């Protein structure tokens, strides 16, 4: 490469080709020491890439991989922009390796790092190794769903033995529809498994639900109240709302007529879990009332439960007793 007259007349002959006049870093001595080992750092400075000129890892790769050196120079404008020095070595290497744009790689690696902090998402990472995770990120963004919701779906599919190598199972066109189908199937399968060990309990829960069917409510309100009729109902409710109603022997409490479990739904979406409540048959009071992840229901739901449904239930119980 031809040298300029300025470089040729350098007062430091051994560094006359180091392009030190282009150096904008903090320690020129450190740079010159690196130049002694990696003369190719001159090209970085001349192409406005001072931010990378002292990166030993990149310089070593320059010396071993000529294609990488050419790729780096081709992207010099992108790398030399003010935000260019935020590209770390991992991002640069991955962009070179995959041929993907630097910005795309940077954002993916950041999202991947954040995602990997949650140990519970391990099944998703196993299904989408490496850059396949990018297709997963794109999918959940398009479907406007959360990682937790997809994990519920994936766990249900794995339990049911669904073939997750097929695209229509990994990325269902209507995720919410298939999420509800698979989680319902999952709940039913677990309930059947449980019933094999205690068929009498299943029968008893169904009988108690039938006895108190009159306590359901769907009049003059934006909400309705549905009674749990089986352990499968409890399991599905617990999985959809991420609480313990399907795991903590509530079916036994129902069978013993200690308490009943009811599901509050929006009238417009009667199949979509919203709030779960436990009602005591001894005290005639609501023992528990929780929304998703054991959070407090909103004021509208609480008003419905305490001012509409509860008075109705306590009145209806007298009819059942009669």
C-alpha atoms as a PDB file:
ATOM      1  CA  UNK A   1       0.000   0.000   0.000  1.00  0.00           C
ATOM      2  CA  UNK A   2       1.582   3.399  -0.950  1.00  0.00           C
ATOM      3  CA  UNK A   3       2.633   5.593   1.972  1.00  0.00           C
ATOM      4  CA  UNK A   4       1.976   9.336   2.184  1.00  0.00           C
ATOM      5  CA  UNK A   5       4.799  11.874   2.277  1.00  0.00           C
ATOM      6  CA  UNK A   6       3.649  12.822   5.782  1.00  0.00           C
ATOM      7  CA  UNK A   7       4.190   9.286   6.999  1.00  0.00           C
ATOM      8  CA  UNK A   8       7.486   8.988   5.142  1.00  0.00           C
ATOM      9  CA  UNK A   9       8.849  12.045   6.987  1.00  0.00           C
ATOM     10  CA  UNK A  10       7.794  10.709  10.396  1.00  0.00           C
ATOM     11  CA  UNK A  11      10.112  11.740  13.270  1.00  0.00           C
ATOM     12  CA  UNK A  12       9.771   8.115  14.538  1.00  0.00           C
ATOM     13  CA  UNK A  13      11.070   6.037  11.600  1.00  0.00           C
ATOM     14  CA  UNK A  14      10.082   2.621  12.987  1.00  0.00           C
ATOM     15  CA  UNK A  15       6.451   3.787  13.273  1.00  0.00           C
ATOM     16  CA  UNK A  16       6.259   5.778  10.041  1.00  0.00           C
ATOM     17  CA  UNK A  17       3.728   3.306   8.603  1.00  0.00           C
ATOM     18  CA  UNK A  18       1.649   2.958  11.789  1.00  0.00           C
ATOM     19  CA  UNK A  19      -0.846   5.679  10.821  1.00  0.00           C
ATOM     20  CA  UNK A  20      -0.375   7.037  14.340  1.00  0.00           C
ATOM     21  CA  UNK A  21      -1.451  10.491  13.167  1.00  0.00           C
ATOM     22  CA  UNK A  22      -4.980   9.045  12.769  1.00  0.00           C
ATOM     23  CA  UNK A  23      -5.006   7.705  16.324  1.00  0.00           C
ATOM     24  CA  UNK A  24      -7.760   9.266  18.486  1.00  0.00           C
ATOM     25  CA  UNK A  25      -7.501   6.988  21.513  1.00  0.00           C
ATOM     26  CA  UNK A  26      -6.149   7.685  24.987  1.00  0.00           C
ATOM     27  CA  UNK A  27      -2.769   5.926  24.998  1.00  0.00           C
ATOM     28  CA  UNK A  28      -0.628   6.294  21.877  1.00  0.00           C
ATOM     29  CA  UNK A  29       2.196   4.287  23.511  1.00  0.00           C
ATOM     30  CA  UNK A  30      -0.129   1.338  24.048  1.00  0.00           C
ATOM     31  CA  UNK A  31      -1.284   1.572  20.447  1.00  0.00           C
ATOM     32  CA  UNK A  32       2.277   1.594  19.092  1.00  0.00           C
ATOM     33  CA  UNK A  33       3.116  -1.490  21.134  1.00  0.00           C
ATOM     34  CA  UNK A  34       0.106  -3.256  19.606  1.00  0.00           C
ATOM     35  CA  UNK A  35       1.182  -2.068  16.149  1.00  0.00           C
ATOM     36  CA  UNK A  36       4.570  -3.758  16.657  1.00  0.00           C
ATOM     37  CA  UNK A  37       2.740  -7.095  17.008  1.00  0.00           C
ATOM     38  CA  UNK A  38      -0.105  -6.463  14.578  1.00  0.00           C
ATOM     39  CA  UNK A  39       0.869  -4.093  11.738  1.00  0.00           C
ATOM     40  CA  UNK A  40      -2.578  -4.553  10.190  1.00  0.00           C
ATOM     41  CA  UNK A  41      -3.974  -2.176  12.814  1.00  0.00           C
ATOM     42  CA  UNK A  42      -2.777   0.588  10.452  1.00  0.00           C
ATOM     43  CA  UNK A  43      -5.675  -0.233   8.109  1.00  0.00           C
ATOM     44  CA  UNK A  44      -8.181   0.239  10.921  1.00  0.00           C
ATOM     45  CA  UNK A  45      -6.950   3.724  11.726  1.00  0.00           C
ATOM     46  CA  UNK A  46      -6.882   4.795   8.090  1.00  0.00           C
ATOM     47  CA  UNK A  47     -10.471   3.612   7.664  1.00  0.00           C
ATOM     48  CA  UNK A  48     -11.743   5.512  10.687  1.00  0.00           C
ATOM     49  CA  UNK A  49     -11.998   2.421  12.910  1.00  0.00           C
ATOM     50  CA  UNK A  50      -9.913   3.608  15.806  1.00  0.00           C
ATOM     51  CA  UNK A  51     -12.402   2.102  18.308  1.00  0.00           C
ATOM     52  CA  UNK A  52     -11.305  -1.380  17.171  1.00  0.00           C
ATOM     53  CA  UNK A  53      -7.625  -0.727  16.481  1.00  0.00           C
ATOM     54  CA  UNK A  54      -6.508  -1.998  19.891  1.00  0.00           C
ATOM     55  CA  UNK A  55      -8.754  -5.051  20.087  1.00  0.00           C
ATOM     56  CA  UNK A  56      -6.336  -7.982  20.221  1.00  0.00           C
ATOM     57  CA  UNK A  57      -9.005 -10.566  19.480  1.00  0.00           C
ATOM     58  CA  UNK A  58     -10.010  -8.869  16.231  1.00  0.00           C
ATOM     59  CA  UNK A  59      -6.385  -8.247  15.222  1.00  0.00           C
ATOM     60  CA  UNK A  60      -5.528 -11.911  15.677  1.00  0.00           C
ATOM     61  CA  UNK A  61      -8.442 -12.889  13.462  1.00  0.00           C
ATOM     62  CA  UNK A  62      -7.271 -10.351  10.871  1.00  0.00           C
ATOM     63  CA  UNK A  63      -3.944 -12.126  10.746  1.00  0.00           C
ATOM     64  CA  UNK A  64      -5.527 -15.569  10.266  1.00  0.00           C
ATOM     65  CA  UNK A  65      -8.559 -14.811   8.093  1.00  0.00           C
ATOM     66  CA  UNK A  66      -8.141 -12.592   5.041  1.00  0.00           C
ATOM     67  CA  UNK A  67     -11.864 -12.838   4.216  1.00  0.00           C
ATOM     68  CA  UNK A  68     -12.683 -11.458   7.629  1.00  0.00           C
ATOM     69  CA  UNK A  69     -10.320  -8.551   7.047  1.00  0.00           C
ATOM     70  CA  UNK A  70     -12.050  -7.785   3.728  1.00  0.00           C
ATOM     71  CA  UNK A  71     -15.497  -8.074   5.353  1.00  0.00           C
ATOM     72  CA  UNK A  72     -14.437  -5.677   8.105  1.00  0.00           C
ATOM     73  CA  UNK A  73     -13.236  -3.062   5.648  1.00  0.00           C
ATOM     74  CA  UNK A  74     -16.421  -3.434   3.546  1.00  0.00           C
ATOM     75  CA  UNK A  75     -18.444  -2.562   6.651  1.00  0.00           C
ATOM     76  CA  UNK A  76     -16.159   0.269   7.744  1.00  0.00           C
ATOM     77  CA  UNK A  77     -18.813   2.990   7.264  1.00  0.00           C
ATOM     78  CA  UNK A  78     -21.285   1.115   9.445  1.00  0.00           C
ATOM     79  CA  UNK A  79     -18.672   0.374  12.089  1.00  0.00           C
ATOM     80  CA  UNK A  80     -17.213   3.895  12.043  1.00  0.00           C
ATOM     81  CA  UNK A  81     -20.511   5.637  12.812  1.00  0.00           C
ATOM     82  CA  UNK A  82     -20.856   7.151  16.323  1.00  0.00           C
ATOM     83  CA  UNK A  83     -22.789   4.119  17.520  1.00  0.00           C
ATOM     84  CA  UNK A  84     -20.381   1.771  15.750  1.00  0.00           C
ATOM     85  CA  UNK A  85     -18.098   1.381  18.745  1.00  0.00           C
ATOM     86  CA  UNK A  86     -20.962  -0.312  20.596  1.00  0.00           C
ATOM     87  CA  UNK A  87     -20.562  -3.421  18.439  1.00  0.00           C
ATOM     88  CA  UNK A  88     -18.659  -5.908  20.575  1.00  0.00           C
ATOM     89  CA  UNK A  89     -16.434  -8.704  19.296  1.00  0.00           C
ATOM     90  CA  UNK A  90     -19.175 -11.333  19.635  1.00  0.00           C
ATOM     91  CA  UNK A  91     -21.553  -9.269  17.515  1.00  0.00           C
ATOM     92  CA  UNK A  92     -18.918  -8.630  14.848  1.00  0.00           C
ATOM     93  CA  UNK A  93     -17.883 -12.288  14.652  1.00  0.00           C
ATOM     94  CA  UNK A  94     -21.513 -13.462  14.488  1.00  0.00           C
ATOM     95  CA  UNK A  95     -22.387 -10.937  11.760  1.00  0.00           C
ATOM     96  CA  UNK A  96     -19.383 -12.098   9.721  1.00  0.00           C
ATOM     97  CA  UNK A  97     -20.229 -15.760  10.294  1.00  0.00           C
ATOM     98  CA  UNK A  98     -23.943 -15.502   9.415  1.00  0.00           C
ATOM     99  CA  UNK A  99     -23.840 -12.720   6.843  1.00  0.00           C
ATOM    100  CA  UNK A 100     -26.608 -10.929   8.735  1.00  0.00           C
ATOM    101  CA  UNK A 101     -26.666  -7.134   9.288  1.00  0.00           C
ATOM    102  CA  UNK A 102     -24.732  -5.928  12.323  1.00  0.00           C
ATOM    103  CA  UNK A 103     -27.737  -4.208  13.869  1.00  0.00           C
ATOM    104  CA  UNK A 104     -29.893  -7.312  13.528  1.00  0.00           C
ATOM    105  CA  UNK A 105     -27.198  -9.439  15.161  1.00  0.00           C
ATOM    106  CA  UNK A 106     -26.695  -6.934  17.954  1.00  0.00           C
ATOM    107  CA  UNK A 107     -30.393  -6.785  18.841  1.00  0.00           C
ATOM    108  CA  UNK A 108     -30.783 -10.567  18.628  1.00  0.00           C
ATOM    109  CA  UNK A 109     -27.817 -11.246  20.912  1.00  0.00           C
ATOM    110  CA  UNK A 110     -29.136  -8.735  23.440  1.00  0.00           C
ATOM    111  CA  UNK A 111     -32.607 -10.328  23.414  1.00  0.00           C
ATOM    112  CA  UNK A 112     -31.047 -13.794  23.662  1.00  0.00           C
ATOM    113  CA  UNK A 113     -28.985 -12.769  26.685  1.00  0.00           C
ATOM    114  CA  UNK A 114     -32.040 -11.363  28.448  1.00  0.00           C
ATOM    115  CA  UNK A 115     -34.047 -14.484  27.583  1.00  0.00           C
ATOM    116  CA  UNK A 116     -31.367 -16.819  28.946  1.00  0.00           C
ATOM    117  CA  UNK A 117     -31.589 -15.237  32.399  1.00  0.00           C
ATOM    118  CA  UNK A 118     -34.907 -17.036  32.961  1.00  0.00           C
ATOM    119  CA  UNK A 119     -34.099 -20.662  33.784  1.00  0.00           C
ATOM    120  CA  UNK A 120     -37.734 -21.716  33.396  1.00  0.00           C
ATOM    121  CA  UNK A 121     -37.583 -20.985  29.651  1.00  0.00           C
ATOM    122  CA  UNK A 122     -35.054 -23.781  29.144  1.00  0.00           C
ATOM    123  CA  UNK A 123     -37.568 -25.987  27.201  1.00  0.00           C
ATOM    124  CA  UNK A 124     -38.032 -23.144  24.687  1.00  0.00           C
ATOM    125  CA  UNK A 125     -34.271 -22.719  24.271  1.00  0.00           C
ATOM    126  CA  UNK A 126     -33.913 -26.458  23.663  1.00  0.00           C
ATOM    127  CA  UNK A 127     -36.555 -26.283  20.931  1.00  0.00           C
ATOM    128  CA  UNK A 128     -34.932 -23.235  19.308  1.00  0.00           C
ATOM    129  CA  UNK A 129     -31.124 -23.557  19.523  1.00  0.00           C
ATOM    130  CA  UNK A 130     -28.817 -20.901  18.094  1.00  0.00           C
ATOM    131  CA  UNK A 131     -30.313 -18.589  15.492  1.00  0.00           C
ATOM    132  CA  UNK A 132     -33.560 -20.579  15.452  1.00  0.00           C
ATOM    133  CA  UNK A 133     -34.378 -18.543  18.544  1.00  0.00           C
ATOM    134  CA  UNK A 134     -34.689 -15.514  16.246  1.00  0.00           C
ATOM    135  CA  UNK A 135     -37.622 -17.181  14.445  1.00  0.00           C
ATOM    136  CA  UNK A 136     -39.228 -17.759  17.851  1.00  0.00           C
ATOM    137  CA  UNK A 137     -38.787 -14.089  18.832  1.00  0.00           C
ATOM    138  CA  UNK A 138     -40.331 -13.004  15.523  1.00  0.00           C
ATOM    139  CA  UNK A 139     -43.256 -15.397  16.016  1.00  0.00           C
ATOM    140  CA  UNK A 140     -44.239 -14.315  19.536  1.00  0.00           C
ATOM    141  CA  UNK A 141     -43.989 -10.679  18.477  1.00  0.00           C
ATOM    142  CA  UNK A 142     -46.287 -11.304  15.521  1.00  0.00           C
ATOM    143  CA  UNK A 143     -48.753 -13.261  17.667  1.00  0.00           C
ATOM    144  CA  UNK A 144     -48.485 -10.672  20.494  1.00  0.00           C
ATOM    145  CA  UNK A 145     -47.938 -13.342  23.146  1.00  0.00           C
ATOM    146  CA  UNK A 146     -45.569 -13.687  26.093  1.00  0.00           C
ATOM    147  CA  UNK A 147     -42.808 -16.228  26.685  1.00  0.00           C
ATOM    148  CA  UNK A 148     -44.803 -17.581  29.631  1.00  0.00           C
ATOM    149  CA  UNK A 149     -47.849 -18.212  27.459  1.00  0.00           C
ATOM    150  CA  UNK A 150     -45.780 -20.060  24.866  1.00  0.00           C
ATOM    151  CA  UNK A 151     -44.143 -22.096  27.639  1.00  0.00           C
ATOM    152  CA  UNK A 152     -47.588 -23.191  28.875  1.00  0.00           C
ATOM    153  CA  UNK A 153     -48.431 -24.315  25.337  1.00  0.00           C
ATOM    154  CA  UNK A 154     -45.101 -26.109  24.885  1.00  0.00           C
ATOM    155  CA  UNK A 155     -45.346 -27.938  28.217  1.00  0.00           C
ATOM    156  CA  UNK A 156     -48.865 -29.107  27.334  1.00  0.00           C
ATOM    157  CA  UNK A 157     -47.720 -30.334  23.904  1.00  0.00           C
ATOM    158  CA  UNK A 158     -44.759 -32.187  25.398  1.00  0.00           C
ATOM    159  CA  UNK A 159     -46.994 -33.860  27.974  1.00  0.00           C
ATOM    160  CA  UNK A 160     -49.437 -34.925  25.240  1.00  0.00           C
ATOM    161  CA  UNK A 161     -46.670 -36.205  22.963  1.00  0.00           C
ATOM    162  CA  UNK A 162     -47.401 -33.712  20.171  1.00  0.00           C
ATOM    163  CA  UNK A 163     -44.826 -33.844  17.349  1.00  0.00           C
ATOM    164  CA  UNK A 164     -42.966 -30.562  17.846  1.00  0.00           C
ATOM    165  CA  UNK A 165     -40.816 -31.097  14.761  1.00  0.00           C
ATOM    166  CA  UNK A 166     -43.770 -30.042  12.599  1.00  0.00           C
ATOM    167  CA  UNK A 167     -44.079 -26.353  11.793  1.00  0.00           C
ATOM    168  CA  UNK A 168     -47.850 -26.226  12.372  1.00  0.00           C
ATOM    169  CA  UNK A 169     -47.279 -27.410  15.937  1.00  0.00           C
ATOM    170  CA  UNK A 170     -44.290 -25.191  16.678  1.00  0.00           C
ATOM    171  CA  UNK A 171     -45.845 -22.100  15.118  1.00  0.00           C
ATOM    172  CA  UNK A 172     -49.650 -22.537  14.966  1.00  0.00           C
ATOM    173  CA  UNK A 173     -51.260 -19.935  12.716  1.00  0.00           C
ATOM    174  CA  UNK A 174     -53.784 -19.076  15.443  1.00  0.00           C
ATOM    175  CA  UNK A 175     -51.754 -19.445  18.617  1.00  0.00           C
ATOM    176  CA  UNK A 176     -54.498 -18.536  21.096  1.00  0.00           C
ATOM    177  CA  UNK A 177     -56.870 -21.113  19.626  1.00  0.00           C
ATOM    178  CA  UNK A 178     -54.345 -23.928  19.800  1.00  0.00           C
ATOM    179  CA  UNK A 179     -53.033 -22.829  23.186  1.00  0.00           C
ATOM    180  CA  UNK A 180     -56.535 -23.243  24.613  1.00  0.00           C
ATOM    181  CA  UNK A 181     -57.031 -26.606  22.869  1.00  0.00           C
ATOM    182  CA  UNK A 182     -53.717 -28.082  24.034  1.00  0.00           C
ATOM    183  CA  UNK A 183     -53.951 -26.818  27.600  1.00  0.00           C
ATOM    184  CA  UNK A 184     -57.497 -28.174  27.862  1.00  0.00           C
ATOM    185  CA  UNK A 185     -56.338 -31.558  26.515  1.00  0.00           C
ATOM    186  CA  UNK A 186     -53.452 -31.440  28.965  1.00  0.00           C
ATOM    187  CA  UNK A 187     -55.774 -30.789  31.896  1.00  0.00           C
ATOM    188  CA  UNK A 188     -58.093 -33.604  30.852  1.00  0.00           C
ATOM    189  CA  UNK A 189     -55.205 -36.042  30.429  1.00  0.00           C
ATOM    190  CA  UNK A 190     -53.856 -35.223  33.888  1.00  0.00           C
ATOM    191  CA  UNK A 191     -57.328 -35.544  35.391  1.00  0.00           C
ATOM    192  CA  UNK A 192     -57.804 -38.947  33.739  1.00  0.00           C
ATOM    193  CA  UNK A 193     -54.464 -40.051  35.109  1.00  0.00           C
ATOM    194  CA  UNK A 194     -55.521 -38.904  38.561  1.00  0.00           C
ATOM    195  CA  UNK A 195     -58.930 -40.586  38.217  1.00  0.00           C
ATOM    196  CA  UNK A 196     -57.302 -43.950  37.596  1.00  0.00           C
ATOM    197  CA  UNK A 197     -56.007 -43.795  41.154  1.00  0.00           C
ATOM    198  CA  UNK A 198     -59.236 -42.428  42.657  1.00  0.00           C
ATOM    199  CA  UNK A 199     -62.330 -42.905  40.458  1.00  0.00           C
ATOM    200  CA  UNK A 200     -64.623 -42.444  43.464  1.00  0.00           C
ATOM    201  CA  UNK A 201     -63.336 -38.892  43.924  1.00  0.00           C
ATOM    202  CA  UNK A 202     -64.108 -38.014  40.303  1.00  0.00           C
ATOM    203  CA  UNK A 203     -67.642 -39.314  40.687  1.00  0.00           C
ATOM    204  CA  UNK A 204     -68.196 -37.511  43.975  1.00  0.00           C
ATOM    205  CA  UNK A 205     -67.012 -34.142  42.615  1.00  0.00           C
ATOM    206  CA  UNK A 206     -69.398 -34.491  39.671  1.00  0.00           C
ATOM    207  CA  UNK A 207     -72.293 -35.306  42.004  1.00  0.00           C
ATOM    208  CA  UNK A 208     -71.608 -32.311  44.277  1.00  0.00           C
ATOM    209  CA  UNK A 209     -71.334 -29.975  41.287  1.00  0.00           C
ATOM    210  CA  UNK A 210     -74.679 -31.226  40.024  1.00  0.00           C
ATOM    211  CA  UNK A 211     -76.237 -30.717  43.454  1.00  0.00           C
ATOM    212  CA  UNK A 212     -75.144 -27.055  43.594  1.00  0.00           C
ATOM    213  CA  UNK A 213     -75.618 -26.224  39.908  1.00  0.00           C
ATOM    214  CA  UNK A 214     -78.228 -23.652  40.891  1.00  0.00           C
ATOM    215  CA  UNK A 215     -75.438 -21.459  42.339  1.00  0.00           C
ATOM    216  CA  UNK A 216     -74.188 -20.623  38.857  1.00  0.00           C
ATOM    217  CA  UNK A 217     -75.130 -17.135  37.737  1.00  0.00           C
ATOM    218  CA  UNK A 218     -75.507 -15.355  34.372  1.00  0.00           C
ATOM    219  CA  UNK A 219     -78.118 -12.637  34.920  1.00  0.00           C
ATOM    220  CA  UNK A 220     -78.000  -8.846  34.520  1.00  0.00           C
ATOM    221  CA  UNK A 221     -74.240  -8.421  34.615  1.00  0.00           C
ATOM    222  CA  UNK A 222     -71.154  -8.214  32.421  1.00  0.00           C
ATOM    223  CA  UNK A 223     -69.912 -11.318  34.249  1.00  0.00           C
ATOM    224  CA  UNK A 224     -71.062 -14.885  34.766  1.00  0.00           C
ATOM    225  CA  UNK A 225     -70.167 -17.445  37.430  1.00  0.00           C
ATOM    226  CA  UNK A 226     -69.630 -21.136  36.590  1.00  0.00           C
ATOM    227  CA  UNK A 227     -69.183 -24.001  39.050  1.00  0.00           C
ATOM    228  CA  UNK A 228     -66.200 -26.370  38.756  1.00  0.00           C
ATOM    229  CA  UNK A 229     -67.601 -29.755  37.726  1.00  0.00           C
ATOM    230  CA  UNK A 230     -64.500 -31.963  37.686  1.00  0.00           C
ATOM    231  CA  UNK A 231     -60.812 -32.178  38.671  1.00  0.00           C
ATOM    232  CA  UNK A 232     -60.064 -31.471  34.994  1.00  0.00           C
ATOM    233  CA  UNK A 233     -61.824 -28.122  35.352  1.00  0.00           C
ATOM    234  CA  UNK A 234     -59.670 -27.309  38.385  1.00  0.00           C
ATOM    235  CA  UNK A 235     -56.438 -28.334  36.677  1.00  0.00           C
ATOM    236  CA  UNK A 236     -57.221 -26.303  33.563  1.00  0.00           C
ATOM    237  CA  UNK A 237     -58.180 -23.234  35.587  1.00  0.00           C
ATOM    238  CA  UNK A 238     -54.995 -23.449  37.630  1.00  0.00           C
ATOM    239  CA  UNK A 239     -52.799 -23.808  34.563  1.00  0.00           C
ATOM    240  CA  UNK A 240     -54.480 -20.964  32.691  1.00  0.00           C
ATOM    241  CA  UNK A 241     -54.336 -18.559  35.640  1.00  0.00           C
ATOM    242  CA  UNK A 242     -51.053 -19.842  37.104  1.00  0.00           C
ATOM    243  CA  UNK A 243     -52.303 -20.636  40.599  1.00  0.00           C
ATOM    244  CA  UNK A 244     -52.750 -23.744  42.736  1.00  0.00           C
ATOM    245  CA  UNK A 245     -56.468 -24.568  42.409  1.00  0.00           C
ATOM    246  CA  UNK A 246     -55.664 -27.693  40.386  1.00  0.00           C
ATOM    247  CA  UNK A 247     -52.952 -28.959  42.704  1.00  0.00           C
ATOM    248  CA  UNK A 248     -53.903 -28.427  46.359  1.00  0.00           C
ATOM    249  CA  UNK A 249     -56.711 -30.962  46.995  1.00  0.00           C
ATOM    250  CA  UNK A 250     -59.565 -28.576  46.255  1.00  0.00           C
ATOM    251  CA  UNK A 251     -61.321 -31.539  44.631  1.00  0.00           C
ATOM    252  CA  UNK A 252     -61.323 -33.282  48.025  1.00  0.00           C
ATOM    253  CA  UNK A 253     -62.819 -30.191  49.679  1.00  0.00           C
ATOM    254  CA  UNK A 254     -65.582 -30.246  47.058  1.00  0.00           C
ATOM    255  CA  UNK A 255     -66.223 -33.969  47.555  1.00  0.00           C
ATOM    256  CA  UNK A 256     -66.498 -33.420  51.326  1.00  0.00           C
ATOM    257  CA  UNK A 257     -68.827 -30.442  50.771  1.00  0.00           C
ATOM    258  CA  UNK A 258     -66.494 -28.170  52.687  1.00  0.00           C
ATOM    259  CA  UNK A 259     -66.268 -25.618  49.901  1.00  0.00           C
ATOM    260  CA  UNK A 260     -67.045 -25.105  46.230  1.00  0.00           C
ATOM    261  CA  UNK A 261     -64.906 -23.628  43.458  1.00  0.00           C
ATOM    262  CA  UNK A 262     -66.399 -21.155  40.996  1.00  0.00           C
ATOM    263  CA  UNK A 263     -64.992 -19.520  37.880  1.00  0.00           C
ATOM    264  CA  UNK A 264     -65.812 -15.880  37.104  1.00  0.00           C
ATOM    265  CA  UNK A 265     -65.900 -15.123  33.394  1.00  0.00           C
ATOM    266  CA  UNK A 266     -66.607 -12.084  31.278  1.00  0.00           C
ATOM    267  CA  UNK A 267     -69.970 -12.709  29.607  1.00  0.00           C
ATOM    268  CA  UNK A 268     -68.423 -11.842  26.244  1.00  0.00           C
ATOM    269  CA  UNK A 269     -65.724 -14.519  26.718  1.00  0.00           C
ATOM    270  CA  UNK A 270     -67.373 -17.324  28.706  1.00  0.00           C
ATOM    271  CA  UNK A 271     -64.596 -19.855  27.976  1.00  0.00           C
ATOM    272  CA  UNK A 272     -61.691 -17.620  28.974  1.00  0.00           C
ATOM    273  CA  UNK A 273     -60.512 -17.947  32.619  1.00  0.00           C
ATOM    274  CA  UNK A 274     -60.605 -14.634  34.472  1.00  0.00           C
ATOM    275  CA  UNK A 275     -61.007 -15.079  38.235  1.00  0.00           C
ATOM    276  CA  UNK A 276     -61.290 -18.119  40.527  1.00  0.00           C
ATOM    277  CA  UNK A 277     -63.088 -18.103  43.882  1.00  0.00           C
ATOM    278  CA  UNK A 278     -63.593 -20.549  46.729  1.00  0.00           C
ATOM    279  CA  UNK A 279     -66.912 -20.432  48.574  1.00  0.00           C
ATOM    280  CA  UNK A 280     -67.427 -21.960  52.022  1.00  0.00           C
ATOM    281  CA  UNK A 281     -70.562 -24.075  52.429  1.00  0.00           C
ATOM    282  CA  UNK A 282     -70.187 -23.773  56.220  1.00  0.00           C
ATOM    283  CA  UNK A 283     -69.792 -20.022  56.664  1.00  0.00           C
ATOM    284  CA  UNK A 284     -71.475 -18.966  53.390  1.00  0.00           C
ATOM    285  CA  UNK A 285     -68.561 -16.636  52.668  1.00  0.00           C
ATOM    286  CA  UNK A 286     -66.003 -16.229  49.903  1.00  0.00           C
ATOM    287  CA  UNK A 287     -62.760 -17.712  51.232  1.00  0.00           C
ATOM    288  CA  UNK A 288     -60.517 -16.765  48.316  1.00  0.00           C
ATOM    289  CA  UNK A 289     -60.879 -14.744  45.130  1.00  0.00           C
ATOM    290  CA  UNK A 290     -57.897 -14.430  42.781  1.00  0.00           C
ATOM    291  CA  UNK A 291     -57.098 -13.462  39.216  1.00  0.00           C
ATOM    292  CA  UNK A 292     -54.024 -14.422  37.184  1.00  0.00           C
ATOM    293  CA  UNK A 293     -50.967 -15.351  39.321  1.00  0.00           C
ATOM    294  CA  UNK A 294     -52.905 -14.841  42.557  1.00  0.00           C
ATOM    295  CA  UNK A 295     -53.432 -11.135  41.944  1.00  0.00           C
ATOM    296  CA  UNK A 296     -56.391  -9.184  43.278  1.00  0.00           C
ATOM    297  CA  UNK A 297     -59.321  -8.922  40.814  1.00  0.00           C
ATOM    298  CA  UNK A 298     -60.312  -5.467  39.609  1.00  0.00           C
ATOM    299  CA  UNK A 299     -63.053  -3.484  41.316  1.00  0.00           C
ATOM    300  CA  UNK A 300     -65.707  -4.440  38.758  1.00  0.00           C
ATOM    301  CA  UNK A 301     -65.188  -8.146  39.404  1.00  0.00           C
ATOM    302  CA  UNK A 302     -65.128  -7.675  43.170  1.00  0.00           C
ATOM    303  CA  UNK A 303     -68.369  -5.710  43.024  1.00  0.00           C
ATOM    304  CA  UNK A 304     -69.959  -8.503  41.001  1.00  0.00           C
ATOM    305  CA  UNK A 305     -68.749 -11.189  43.434  1.00  0.00           C
ATOM    306  CA  UNK A 306     -69.710  -9.397  46.659  1.00  0.00           C
ATOM    307  CA  UNK A 307     -72.783  -7.377  45.654  1.00  0.00           C
ATOM    308  CA  UNK A 308     -74.378  -9.477  42.920  1.00  0.00           C
ATOM    309  CA  UNK A 309     -73.305 -13.110  43.055  1.00  0.00           C
ATOM    310  CA  UNK A 310     -72.877 -13.644  46.829  1.00  0.00           C
ATOM    311  CA  UNK A 311     -76.394 -12.426  47.814  1.00  0.00           C
ATOM    312  CA  UNK A 312     -77.810 -14.544  44.982  1.00  0.00           C
ATOM    313  CA  UNK A 313     -75.926 -17.651  46.161  1.00  0.00           C
ATOM    314  CA  UNK A 314     -76.928 -17.331  49.800  1.00  0.00           C
ATOM    315  CA  UNK A 315     -80.555 -17.029  48.724  1.00  0.00           C
ATOM    316  CA  UNK A 316     -80.288 -19.961  46.308  1.00  0.00           C
ATOM    317  CA  UNK A 317     -78.807 -22.197  49.032  1.00  0.00           C
ATOM    318  CA  UNK A 318     -82.074 -21.973  50.927  1.00  0.00           C
ATOM    319  CA  UNK A 319     -83.860 -23.335  47.850  1.00  0.00           C
ATOM    320  CA  UNK A 320     -81.392 -26.213  47.635  1.00  0.00           C
ATOM    321  CA  UNK A 321     -81.820 -26.982  51.325  1.00  0.00           C
ATOM    322  CA  UNK A 322     -85.594 -26.959  50.939  1.00  0.00           C
END
